[in-house]
Amino acid sequence: MDMANQQRIKDMTDKYGAENVVVLLGGAEAESSGLSAETVSAGDPTYAGPLANVALGLRVYHIFELKDLIDPNVYEDQLGMMEMVMDVEGNISEVKTIREQYSTV
């Protein structure tokens, strides 16, 4: 997750409170999704951005976890192809593990 997005998330959390912020990821690879999830919940593990040593404890989900909440036509149009070529279960598992470990809200 780049530094500008880290700052945006930090600013929104400061403004609205962690209990009112949910982060939705759409990374293609489980490892990068996990790294982004860890960044917004436990702090930037690379110590390179605004969230270095800042544990926001945010709830974070991969878009694939929310399939049942999205209009099926919209999901198919926007994500159907990606679902066929990406590691859906790997992404979900990685983000869920991080969420369960570090989310505090």
N, C-alpha and C. Protein backbone atom coordinates (compact mmCIF):
# COMPACT_ATOMS: atom_id res chain seq x y z
N MET A 1 0.86 -1.17 0.00
CA MET A 1 0.00 0.00 0.00
C MET A 1 0.90 1.23 0.00
N ASP A 2 0.66 2.12 -0.96
CA ASP A 2 1.54 3.28 -1.07
C ASP A 2 1.30 4.28 0.06
N MET A 3 2.24 5.19 0.20
CA MET A 3 2.20 6.15 1.31
C MET A 3 1.00 7.09 1.25
N ALA A 4 0.60 7.46 0.04
CA ALA A 4 -0.54 8.36 -0.09
C ALA A 4 -1.82 7.69 0.42
N ASN A 5 -2.02 6.43 0.07
CA ASN A 5 -3.20 5.71 0.56
C ASN A 5 -3.13 5.49 2.07
N GLN A 6 -1.95 5.21 2.57
CA GLN A 6 -1.81 5.08 4.02
C GLN A 6 -2.24 6.38 4.72
N GLN A 7 -1.82 7.50 4.17
CA GLN A 7 -2.16 8.79 4.78
C GLN A 7 -3.67 9.05 4.70
N ARG A 8 -4.28 8.71 3.57
CA ARG A 8 -5.73 8.89 3.42
C ARG A 8 -6.49 8.08 4.47
N ILE A 9 -6.07 6.83 4.65
CA ILE A 9 -6.74 5.97 5.62
C ILE A 9 -6.52 6.49 7.04
N LYS A 10 -5.31 6.92 7.33
CA LYS A 10 -5.03 7.49 8.66
C LYS A 10 -5.88 8.74 8.90
N ASP A 11 -5.96 9.61 7.91
CA ASP A 11 -6.75 10.84 8.05
C ASP A 11 -8.23 10.53 8.26
N MET A 12 -8.76 9.58 7.50
CA MET A 12 -10.18 9.23 7.66
C MET A 12 -10.43 8.60 9.03
N THR A 13 -9.50 7.79 9.49
CA THR A 13 -9.65 7.18 10.81
C THR A 13 -9.60 8.24 11.89
N ASP A 14 -8.71 9.20 11.76
CA ASP A 14 -8.64 10.30 12.72
C ASP A 14 -9.94 11.12 12.71
N LYS A 15 -10.49 11.34 11.54
CA LYS A 15 -11.69 12.16 11.40
C LYS A 15 -12.95 11.44 11.86
N TYR A 16 -13.11 10.17 11.47
CA TYR A 16 -14.37 9.46 11.71
C TYR A 16 -14.32 8.43 12.84
N GLY A 17 -13.13 8.08 13.28
CA GLY A 17 -12.98 7.06 14.31
C GLY A 17 -12.85 5.68 13.71
N ALA A 18 -12.00 4.86 14.29
CA ALA A 18 -11.72 3.52 13.76
C ALA A 18 -12.97 2.67 13.67
N GLU A 19 -13.90 2.87 14.59
CA GLU A 19 -15.13 2.06 14.58
C GLU A 19 -16.02 2.37 13.38
N ASN A 20 -15.75 3.47 12.69
CA ASN A 20 -16.56 3.88 11.54
C ASN A 20 -15.83 3.73 10.21
N VAL A 21 -14.70 3.06 10.21
CA VAL A 21 -13.92 2.89 8.99
C VAL A 21 -13.73 1.40 8.73
N VAL A 22 -14.03 0.99 7.51
CA VAL A 22 -13.79 -0.37 7.05
C VAL A 22 -12.98 -0.26 5.76
N VAL A 23 -11.94 -1.06 5.65
CA VAL A 23 -11.09 -1.04 4.47
C VAL A 23 -11.43 -2.23 3.59
N LEU A 24 -11.65 -1.96 2.33
CA LEU A 24 -11.99 -2.98 1.35
C LEU A 24 -10.84 -3.10 0.35
N LEU A 25 -10.27 -4.29 0.26
CA LEU A 25 -9.14 -4.52 -0.63
C LEU A 25 -9.56 -5.30 -1.86
N GLY A 26 -8.77 -5.19 -2.91
CA GLY A 26 -9.04 -5.94 -4.13
C GLY A 26 -7.78 -6.48 -4.75
N GLY A 27 -6.75 -6.70 -3.94
CA GLY A 27 -5.47 -7.18 -4.45
C GLY A 27 -5.57 -8.51 -5.16
N ALA A 28 -4.72 -8.69 -6.15
CA ALA A 28 -4.74 -9.91 -6.96
C ALA A 28 -4.01 -11.06 -6.28
N GLU A 29 -3.03 -10.76 -5.46
CA GLU A 29 -2.23 -11.80 -4.83
C GLU A 29 -2.46 -11.79 -3.33
N ALA A 30 -2.57 -12.99 -2.75
CA ALA A 30 -2.85 -13.13 -1.33
C ALA A 30 -1.79 -12.43 -0.48
N GLU A 31 -0.54 -12.56 -0.86
CA GLU A 31 0.53 -11.96 -0.06
C GLU A 31 0.41 -10.43 -0.02
N SER A 32 0.13 -9.81 -1.16
CA SER A 32 0.00 -8.35 -1.17
C SER A 32 -1.28 -7.92 -0.45
N SER A 33 -2.34 -8.70 -0.57
CA SER A 33 -3.56 -8.40 0.18
C SER A 33 -3.30 -8.47 1.67
N GLY A 34 -2.56 -9.48 2.09
CA GLY A 34 -2.22 -9.63 3.51
C GLY A 34 -1.36 -8.48 4.01
N LEU A 35 -0.42 -8.06 3.21
CA LEU A 35 0.45 -6.95 3.59
C LEU A 35 -0.37 -5.66 3.74
N SER A 36 -1.29 -5.43 2.83
CA SER A 36 -2.15 -4.24 2.94
C SER A 36 -3.07 -4.34 4.15
N ALA A 37 -3.60 -5.52 4.39
CA ALA A 37 -4.48 -5.72 5.55
C ALA A 37 -3.71 -5.47 6.85
N GLU A 38 -2.50 -5.99 6.92
CA GLU A 38 -1.68 -5.77 8.11
C GLU A 38 -1.36 -4.29 8.29
N THR A 39 -1.09 -3.60 7.20
CA THR A 39 -0.75 -2.18 7.28
C THR A 39 -1.86 -1.37 7.92
N VAL A 40 -3.13 -1.63 7.55
CA VAL A 40 -4.23 -0.81 8.08
C VAL A 40 -4.74 -1.29 9.43
N SER A 41 -4.29 -2.45 9.86
CA SER A 41 -4.75 -2.92 11.17
C SER A 41 -3.64 -2.90 12.21
N ALA A 42 -2.46 -3.41 11.89
CA ALA A 42 -1.37 -3.50 12.86
C ALA A 42 -0.29 -2.45 12.66
N GLY A 43 -0.29 -1.79 11.52
CA GLY A 43 0.75 -0.82 11.21
C GLY A 43 1.60 -1.31 10.06
N ASP A 44 2.24 -0.41 9.36
CA ASP A 44 3.03 -0.75 8.18
C ASP A 44 4.23 -1.60 8.57
N PRO A 45 4.23 -2.90 8.17
CA PRO A 45 5.34 -3.77 8.56
C PRO A 45 6.66 -3.43 7.87
N THR A 46 6.62 -2.59 6.84
CA THR A 46 7.85 -2.19 6.17
C THR A 46 8.45 -0.93 6.81
N TYR A 47 7.72 -0.33 7.72
CA TYR A 47 8.16 0.89 8.42
C TYR A 47 8.50 2.01 7.45
N ALA A 48 7.76 2.08 6.34
CA ALA A 48 8.10 3.05 5.31
C ALA A 48 7.07 4.16 5.15
N GLY A 49 5.90 4.03 5.73
CA GLY A 49 4.85 4.99 5.46
C GLY A 49 4.26 5.62 6.71
N PRO A 50 3.21 6.40 6.52
CA PRO A 50 2.55 7.09 7.64
C PRO A 50 1.97 6.15 8.69
N LEU A 51 1.78 4.89 8.34
CA LEU A 51 1.23 3.94 9.31
C LEU A 51 2.31 3.08 9.96
N ALA A 52 3.57 3.43 9.79
CA ALA A 52 4.65 2.72 10.48
C ALA A 52 4.44 2.89 11.98
N ASN A 53 4.39 1.78 12.69
CA ASN A 53 4.18 1.77 14.15
C ASN A 53 2.85 2.40 14.56
N VAL A 54 1.87 2.45 13.65
CA VAL A 54 0.55 2.99 13.95
C VAL A 54 -0.47 1.87 13.76
N ALA A 55 -0.91 1.31 14.87
CA ALA A 55 -1.89 0.21 14.81
C ALA A 55 -3.30 0.79 14.87
N LEU A 56 -3.93 0.94 13.71
CA LEU A 56 -5.28 1.50 13.66
C LEU A 56 -6.33 0.48 14.08
N GLY A 57 -6.02 -0.80 13.96
CA GLY A 57 -6.96 -1.85 14.34
C GLY A 57 -8.20 -1.93 13.46
N LEU A 58 -8.10 -1.44 12.24
CA LEU A 58 -9.27 -1.36 11.37
C LEU A 58 -9.74 -2.73 10.90
N ARG A 59 -11.03 -2.82 10.64
CA ARG A 59 -11.60 -4.00 9.99
C ARG A 59 -11.25 -3.92 8.53
N VAL A 60 -10.81 -5.02 7.98
CA VAL A 60 -10.39 -5.05 6.58
C VAL A 60 -10.91 -6.34 5.95
N TYR A 61 -11.42 -6.20 4.73
CA TYR A 61 -12.01 -7.32 3.99
C TYR A 61 -11.49 -7.30 2.56
N HIS A 62 -11.41 -8.48 1.96
CA HIS A 62 -11.15 -8.55 0.53
C HIS A 62 -12.51 -8.53 -0.16
N ILE A 63 -12.61 -7.91 -1.29
CA ILE A 63 -13.88 -7.78 -2.01
C ILE A 63 -14.56 -9.12 -2.21
N PHE A 64 -13.78 -10.17 -2.39
CA PHE A 64 -14.37 -11.50 -2.60
C PHE A 64 -15.16 -11.98 -1.37
N GLU A 65 -14.82 -11.49 -0.18
CA GLU A 65 -15.56 -11.88 1.03
C GLU A 65 -16.97 -11.32 1.03
N LEU A 66 -17.21 -10.29 0.27
CA LEU A 66 -18.49 -9.58 0.30
C LEU A 66 -19.38 -9.91 -0.89
N LYS A 67 -19.07 -10.96 -1.60
CA LYS A 67 -19.80 -11.32 -2.81
C LYS A 67 -21.31 -11.37 -2.57
N ASP A 68 -21.72 -11.95 -1.46
CA ASP A 68 -23.15 -12.10 -1.17
C ASP A 68 -23.85 -10.78 -0.86
N LEU A 69 -23.09 -9.73 -0.63
CA LEU A 69 -23.67 -8.42 -0.32
C LEU A 69 -23.76 -7.50 -1.54
N ILE A 70 -23.22 -7.95 -2.66
CA ILE A 70 -23.16 -7.13 -3.87
C ILE A 70 -24.19 -7.62 -4.87
N ASP A 71 -24.85 -6.69 -5.51
CA ASP A 71 -25.80 -7.04 -6.56
C ASP A 71 -25.11 -8.00 -7.53
N PRO A 72 -25.72 -9.17 -7.79
CA PRO A 72 -25.08 -10.17 -8.66
C PRO A 72 -24.69 -9.65 -10.04
N ASN A 73 -25.49 -8.77 -10.62
CA ASN A 73 -25.15 -8.22 -11.93
C ASN A 73 -23.93 -7.32 -11.87
N VAL A 74 -23.84 -6.53 -10.82
CA VAL A 74 -22.69 -5.65 -10.64
C VAL A 74 -21.45 -6.49 -10.37
N TYR A 75 -21.59 -7.48 -9.50
CA TYR A 75 -20.45 -8.35 -9.19
C TYR A 75 -19.93 -9.03 -10.46
N GLU A 76 -20.83 -9.60 -11.22
CA GLU A 76 -20.41 -10.30 -12.44
C GLU A 76 -19.75 -9.34 -13.42
N ASP A 77 -20.31 -8.16 -13.57
CA ASP A 77 -19.77 -7.18 -14.50
C ASP A 77 -18.39 -6.69 -14.06
N GLN A 78 -18.21 -6.45 -12.78
CA GLN A 78 -16.98 -5.84 -12.28
C GLN A 78 -15.93 -6.84 -11.81
N LEU A 79 -16.38 -8.00 -11.33
CA LEU A 79 -15.44 -8.94 -10.70
C LEU A 79 -15.47 -10.35 -11.24
N GLY A 80 -16.45 -10.67 -12.05
CA GLY A 80 -16.61 -12.03 -12.53
C GLY A 80 -15.38 -12.60 -13.20
N MET A 81 -14.76 -11.84 -14.08
CA MET A 81 -13.57 -12.31 -14.78
C MET A 81 -12.41 -12.48 -13.81
N MET A 82 -12.27 -11.54 -12.90
CA MET A 82 -11.17 -11.61 -11.93
C MET A 82 -11.31 -12.82 -11.03
N GLU A 83 -12.54 -13.14 -10.68
CA GLU A 83 -12.78 -14.29 -9.81
C GLU A 83 -12.31 -15.59 -10.48
N MET A 84 -12.37 -15.64 -11.80
CA MET A 84 -11.97 -16.84 -12.52
C MET A 84 -10.45 -17.01 -12.58
N VAL A 85 -9.70 -15.92 -12.50
CA VAL A 85 -8.25 -16.01 -12.68
C VAL A 85 -7.44 -15.77 -11.42
N MET A 86 -8.08 -15.29 -10.37
CA MET A 86 -7.36 -15.00 -9.13
C MET A 86 -7.57 -16.11 -8.11
N ASP A 87 -6.70 -16.15 -7.13
CA ASP A 87 -6.79 -17.10 -6.02
C ASP A 87 -7.77 -16.54 -4.99
N VAL A 88 -9.04 -16.78 -5.21
CA VAL A 88 -10.10 -16.24 -4.35
C VAL A 88 -9.91 -16.70 -2.91
N GLU A 89 -9.81 -18.00 -2.70
CA GLU A 89 -9.69 -18.54 -1.34
C GLU A 89 -8.41 -18.08 -0.66
N GLY A 90 -7.33 -17.98 -1.40
CA GLY A 90 -6.07 -17.52 -0.83
C GLY A 90 -6.17 -16.08 -0.33
N ASN A 91 -6.79 -15.22 -1.15
CA ASN A 91 -6.98 -13.82 -0.75
C ASN A 91 -7.88 -13.72 0.47
N ILE A 92 -8.98 -14.43 0.45
CA ILE A 92 -9.92 -14.38 1.57
C ILE A 92 -9.25 -14.88 2.84
N SER A 93 -8.56 -15.99 2.76
CA SER A 93 -7.91 -16.57 3.93
C SER A 93 -6.86 -15.63 4.52
N GLU A 94 -6.05 -15.06 3.65
CA GLU A 94 -4.98 -14.16 4.11
C GLU A 94 -5.55 -12.94 4.82
N VAL A 95 -6.52 -12.29 4.21
CA VAL A 95 -7.10 -11.08 4.80
C VAL A 95 -7.87 -11.42 6.08
N LYS A 96 -8.60 -12.50 6.07
CA LYS A 96 -9.36 -12.90 7.25
C LYS A 96 -8.44 -13.20 8.43
N THR A 97 -7.34 -13.87 8.18
CA THR A 97 -6.37 -14.17 9.23
C THR A 97 -5.83 -12.89 9.86
N ILE A 98 -5.46 -11.94 9.02
CA ILE A 98 -4.95 -10.66 9.52
C ILE A 98 -6.03 -9.93 10.30
N ARG A 99 -7.25 -9.90 9.76
CA ARG A 99 -8.37 -9.22 10.45
C ARG A 99 -8.60 -9.82 11.83
N GLU A 100 -8.65 -11.14 11.90
CA GLU A 100 -8.91 -11.80 13.18
C GLU A 100 -7.78 -11.58 14.18
N GLN A 101 -6.58 -11.40 13.68
CA GLN A 101 -5.43 -11.22 14.56
C GLN A 101 -5.29 -9.78 15.06
N TYR A 102 -5.56 -8.79 14.19
CA TYR A 102 -5.21 -7.41 14.52
C TYR A 102 -6.36 -6.42 14.63
N SER A 103 -7.52 -6.72 14.08
CA SER A 103 -8.63 -5.75 14.15
C SER A 103 -9.12 -5.64 15.58
N THR A 104 -9.31 -4.43 16.00
CA THR A 104 -9.72 -4.18 17.39
C THR A 104 -11.09 -3.52 17.50
N VAL A 105 -11.71 -3.23 16.38
CA VAL A 105 -13.04 -2.58 16.41
C VAL A 105 -14.09 -3.50 15.86
